């Protein structure tokens, strides 16, 4: 299992599902900047990250295109 996939494992099942689907579809194509932005998102606590992904909250700074890819999955 890749390090990024391991760091994506969360305590909230919904997050695990969304993040796993995102990585299944896009992990191989992420640029270095997108990978850094993704890892930055993983620093948020589960509840905050879920709000960000569902559009109820916004991160301080993240590449909007990456967030849209995650939301589409």
N, C-alpha and C. Protein backbone atom coordinates (compact mmCIF):
# COMPACT_ATOMS: atom_id res chain seq x y z
N UNK A 1 0.86 -1.18 0.00
CA UNK A 1 0.00 0.00 0.00
C UNK A 1 0.90 1.24 0.00
N UNK A 2 0.57 2.19 -0.85
CA UNK A 2 1.39 3.39 -0.93
C UNK A 2 1.24 4.25 0.33
N UNK A 3 2.24 5.07 0.56
CA UNK A 3 2.23 5.94 1.74
C UNK A 3 1.05 6.90 1.70
N UNK A 4 0.74 7.43 0.54
CA UNK A 4 -0.38 8.37 0.43
C UNK A 4 -1.70 7.67 0.71
N UNK A 5 -1.83 6.45 0.26
CA UNK A 5 -3.05 5.68 0.50
C UNK A 5 -3.17 5.37 2.00
N UNK A 6 -2.06 5.02 2.63
CA UNK A 6 -2.07 4.73 4.06
C UNK A 6 -2.48 5.97 4.86
N UNK A 7 -1.96 7.12 4.48
CA UNK A 7 -2.30 8.37 5.20
C UNK A 7 -3.74 8.78 4.97
N UNK A 8 -4.37 8.24 3.91
CA UNK A 8 -5.75 8.58 3.60
C UNK A 8 -6.76 7.82 4.44
N UNK A 9 -6.31 6.80 5.14
CA UNK A 9 -7.23 6.02 5.97
C UNK A 9 -7.71 6.88 7.13
N UNK A 10 -9.02 6.90 7.32
CA UNK A 10 -9.62 7.78 8.32
C UNK A 10 -10.50 6.98 9.28
N UNK A 11 -10.96 7.64 10.32
CA UNK A 11 -11.86 7.01 11.26
C UNK A 11 -13.31 7.06 10.83
N UNK A 12 -13.61 7.84 9.80
CA UNK A 12 -14.97 8.00 9.30
C UNK A 12 -15.12 7.19 8.00
N UNK A 13 -16.03 6.24 7.99
CA UNK A 13 -16.21 5.37 6.84
C UNK A 13 -16.47 6.15 5.56
N UNK A 14 -17.29 7.18 5.64
CA UNK A 14 -17.60 7.97 4.46
C UNK A 14 -16.34 8.57 3.83
N UNK A 15 -15.45 9.06 4.66
CA UNK A 15 -14.19 9.62 4.16
C UNK A 15 -13.33 8.53 3.54
N UNK A 16 -13.26 7.39 4.19
CA UNK A 16 -12.50 6.28 3.61
C UNK A 16 -12.98 5.95 2.21
N UNK A 17 -14.27 5.89 2.03
CA UNK A 17 -14.85 5.54 0.73
C UNK A 17 -14.53 6.61 -0.31
N UNK A 18 -14.78 7.87 0.01
CA UNK A 18 -14.56 8.96 -0.94
C UNK A 18 -13.08 9.06 -1.31
N UNK A 19 -12.21 9.01 -0.31
CA UNK A 19 -10.79 9.17 -0.57
C UNK A 19 -10.23 7.96 -1.33
N UNK A 20 -10.68 6.77 -1.01
CA UNK A 20 -10.22 5.58 -1.73
C UNK A 20 -10.64 5.63 -3.20
N UNK A 21 -11.88 6.05 -3.46
CA UNK A 21 -12.34 6.18 -4.86
C UNK A 21 -11.52 7.22 -5.61
N UNK A 22 -11.27 8.34 -4.93
CA UNK A 22 -10.46 9.38 -5.56
C UNK A 22 -9.08 8.84 -5.92
N UNK A 23 -8.44 8.18 -4.98
CA UNK A 23 -7.10 7.65 -5.24
C UNK A 23 -7.12 6.57 -6.31
N UNK A 24 -8.13 5.73 -6.31
CA UNK A 24 -8.24 4.69 -7.34
C UNK A 24 -8.25 5.31 -8.74
N UNK A 25 -8.91 6.42 -8.88
CA UNK A 25 -9.06 7.06 -10.20
C UNK A 25 -7.94 8.02 -10.57
N UNK A 26 -7.33 8.65 -9.56
CA UNK A 26 -6.44 9.78 -9.88
C UNK A 26 -5.03 9.72 -9.31
N UNK A 27 -4.74 8.80 -8.42
CA UNK A 27 -3.45 8.80 -7.73
C UNK A 27 -2.27 8.80 -8.70
N UNK A 28 -2.33 8.00 -9.73
CA UNK A 28 -1.20 7.88 -10.67
C UNK A 28 -0.97 9.16 -11.47
N UNK A 29 -1.98 10.01 -11.58
CA UNK A 29 -1.87 11.22 -12.41
C UNK A 29 -1.68 12.50 -11.62
N UNK A 30 -1.62 12.42 -10.31
CA UNK A 30 -1.48 13.64 -9.51
C UNK A 30 -0.09 14.25 -9.71
N UNK A 31 -0.09 15.56 -9.92
CA UNK A 31 1.18 16.28 -10.00
C UNK A 31 1.76 16.41 -8.60
N UNK A 32 2.98 16.87 -8.52
CA UNK A 32 3.62 17.07 -7.22
C UNK A 32 2.85 18.09 -6.39
N UNK A 33 2.40 19.18 -7.03
CA UNK A 33 1.64 20.20 -6.31
C UNK A 33 0.29 19.66 -5.84
N UNK A 34 -0.38 18.87 -6.68
CA UNK A 34 -1.65 18.28 -6.29
C UNK A 34 -1.46 17.29 -5.14
N UNK A 35 -0.39 16.54 -5.17
CA UNK A 35 -0.10 15.60 -4.09
C UNK A 35 0.11 16.35 -2.78
N UNK A 36 0.86 17.45 -2.83
CA UNK A 36 1.08 18.26 -1.63
C UNK A 36 -0.23 18.84 -1.11
N UNK A 37 -1.08 19.32 -2.04
CA UNK A 37 -2.37 19.87 -1.64
C UNK A 37 -3.25 18.79 -1.01
N UNK A 38 -3.23 17.60 -1.59
CA UNK A 38 -4.00 16.48 -1.05
C UNK A 38 -3.52 16.12 0.36
N UNK A 39 -2.23 16.02 0.52
CA UNK A 39 -1.68 15.71 1.84
C UNK A 39 -2.01 16.80 2.85
N UNK A 40 -2.08 18.04 2.38
CA UNK A 40 -2.51 19.14 3.24
C UNK A 40 -3.94 18.96 3.71
N UNK A 41 -4.80 18.50 2.83
CA UNK A 41 -6.19 18.24 3.21
C UNK A 41 -6.27 17.16 4.29
N UNK A 42 -5.40 16.19 4.19
CA UNK A 42 -5.43 15.09 5.16
C UNK A 42 -5.04 15.53 6.57
N UNK A 43 -4.50 16.72 6.71
CA UNK A 43 -4.14 17.24 8.02
C UNK A 43 -5.37 17.69 8.82
N UNK A 44 -6.49 17.88 8.14
CA UNK A 44 -7.71 18.31 8.83
C UNK A 44 -8.31 17.15 9.62
N UNK A 45 -8.93 17.44 10.75
CA UNK A 45 -9.67 16.41 11.47
C UNK A 45 -10.82 15.89 10.59
N UNK A 46 -11.27 14.68 10.86
CA UNK A 46 -12.28 14.04 10.02
C UNK A 46 -13.52 14.90 9.79
N UNK A 47 -14.09 15.45 10.83
CA UNK A 47 -15.32 16.24 10.69
C UNK A 47 -15.11 17.45 9.79
N UNK A 48 -14.00 18.14 9.96
CA UNK A 48 -13.70 19.30 9.12
C UNK A 48 -13.45 18.88 7.67
N UNK A 49 -12.71 17.80 7.49
CA UNK A 49 -12.43 17.32 6.13
C UNK A 49 -13.72 16.92 5.44
N UNK A 50 -14.62 16.26 6.15
CA UNK A 50 -15.90 15.87 5.56
C UNK A 50 -16.68 17.12 5.14
N UNK A 51 -16.70 18.15 5.98
CA UNK A 51 -17.38 19.40 5.63
C UNK A 51 -16.75 20.03 4.38
N UNK A 52 -15.45 19.99 4.28
CA UNK A 52 -14.77 20.55 3.11
C UNK A 52 -15.17 19.78 1.85
N UNK A 53 -15.14 18.47 1.92
CA UNK A 53 -15.46 17.65 0.75
C UNK A 53 -16.92 17.80 0.34
N UNK A 54 -17.81 17.92 1.32
CA UNK A 54 -19.24 18.05 0.99
C UNK A 54 -19.65 19.48 0.68
N UNK A 55 -18.71 20.41 0.77
CA UNK A 55 -19.00 21.79 0.41
C UNK A 55 -19.56 22.63 1.54
N UNK A 56 -19.61 22.09 2.74
CA UNK A 56 -20.11 22.84 3.89
C UNK A 56 -19.05 23.71 4.52
N UNK A 57 -17.81 23.48 4.16
CA UNK A 57 -16.70 24.26 4.68
C UNK A 57 -15.65 24.43 3.60
N UNK A 58 -14.76 25.33 3.79
CA UNK A 58 -13.69 25.56 2.83
C UNK A 58 -12.34 25.49 3.56
N UNK A 59 -11.37 24.87 2.93
CA UNK A 59 -10.04 24.83 3.54
C UNK A 59 -9.39 26.20 3.45
N UNK A 60 -8.38 26.40 4.26
CA UNK A 60 -7.68 27.69 4.23
C UNK A 60 -7.07 27.94 2.86
N UNK A 61 -6.42 26.93 2.32
CA UNK A 61 -5.82 27.06 1.00
C UNK A 61 -5.67 25.67 0.39
N UNK A 62 -6.22 25.50 -0.78
CA UNK A 62 -6.08 24.23 -1.49
C UNK A 62 -6.36 24.49 -2.96
N UNK A 63 -5.79 23.70 -3.78
CA UNK A 63 -6.04 23.82 -5.21
C UNK A 63 -7.49 23.43 -5.49
N UNK A 64 -8.26 24.36 -6.01
CA UNK A 64 -9.69 24.14 -6.22
C UNK A 64 -9.97 22.98 -7.17
N UNK A 65 -9.14 22.81 -8.19
CA UNK A 65 -9.35 21.71 -9.14
C UNK A 65 -9.23 20.36 -8.44
N UNK A 66 -8.30 20.25 -7.52
CA UNK A 66 -8.13 19.00 -6.78
C UNK A 66 -9.36 18.73 -5.92
N UNK A 67 -9.85 19.74 -5.25
CA UNK A 67 -11.03 19.58 -4.41
C UNK A 67 -12.23 19.16 -5.26
N UNK A 68 -12.37 19.71 -6.43
CA UNK A 68 -13.46 19.32 -7.32
C UNK A 68 -13.34 17.85 -7.75
N UNK A 69 -12.13 17.39 -8.03
CA UNK A 69 -11.93 15.98 -8.37
C UNK A 69 -12.37 15.07 -7.23
N UNK A 70 -12.01 15.45 -6.02
CA UNK A 70 -12.40 14.65 -4.86
C UNK A 70 -13.92 14.65 -4.72
N UNK A 71 -14.53 15.80 -4.88
CA UNK A 71 -15.98 15.89 -4.74
C UNK A 71 -16.73 15.10 -5.80
N UNK A 72 -16.17 14.97 -6.98
CA UNK A 72 -16.83 14.25 -8.08
C UNK A 72 -16.86 12.75 -7.83
N UNK A 73 -15.96 12.25 -7.04
CA UNK A 73 -15.87 10.81 -6.82
C UNK A 73 -16.85 10.46 -5.76
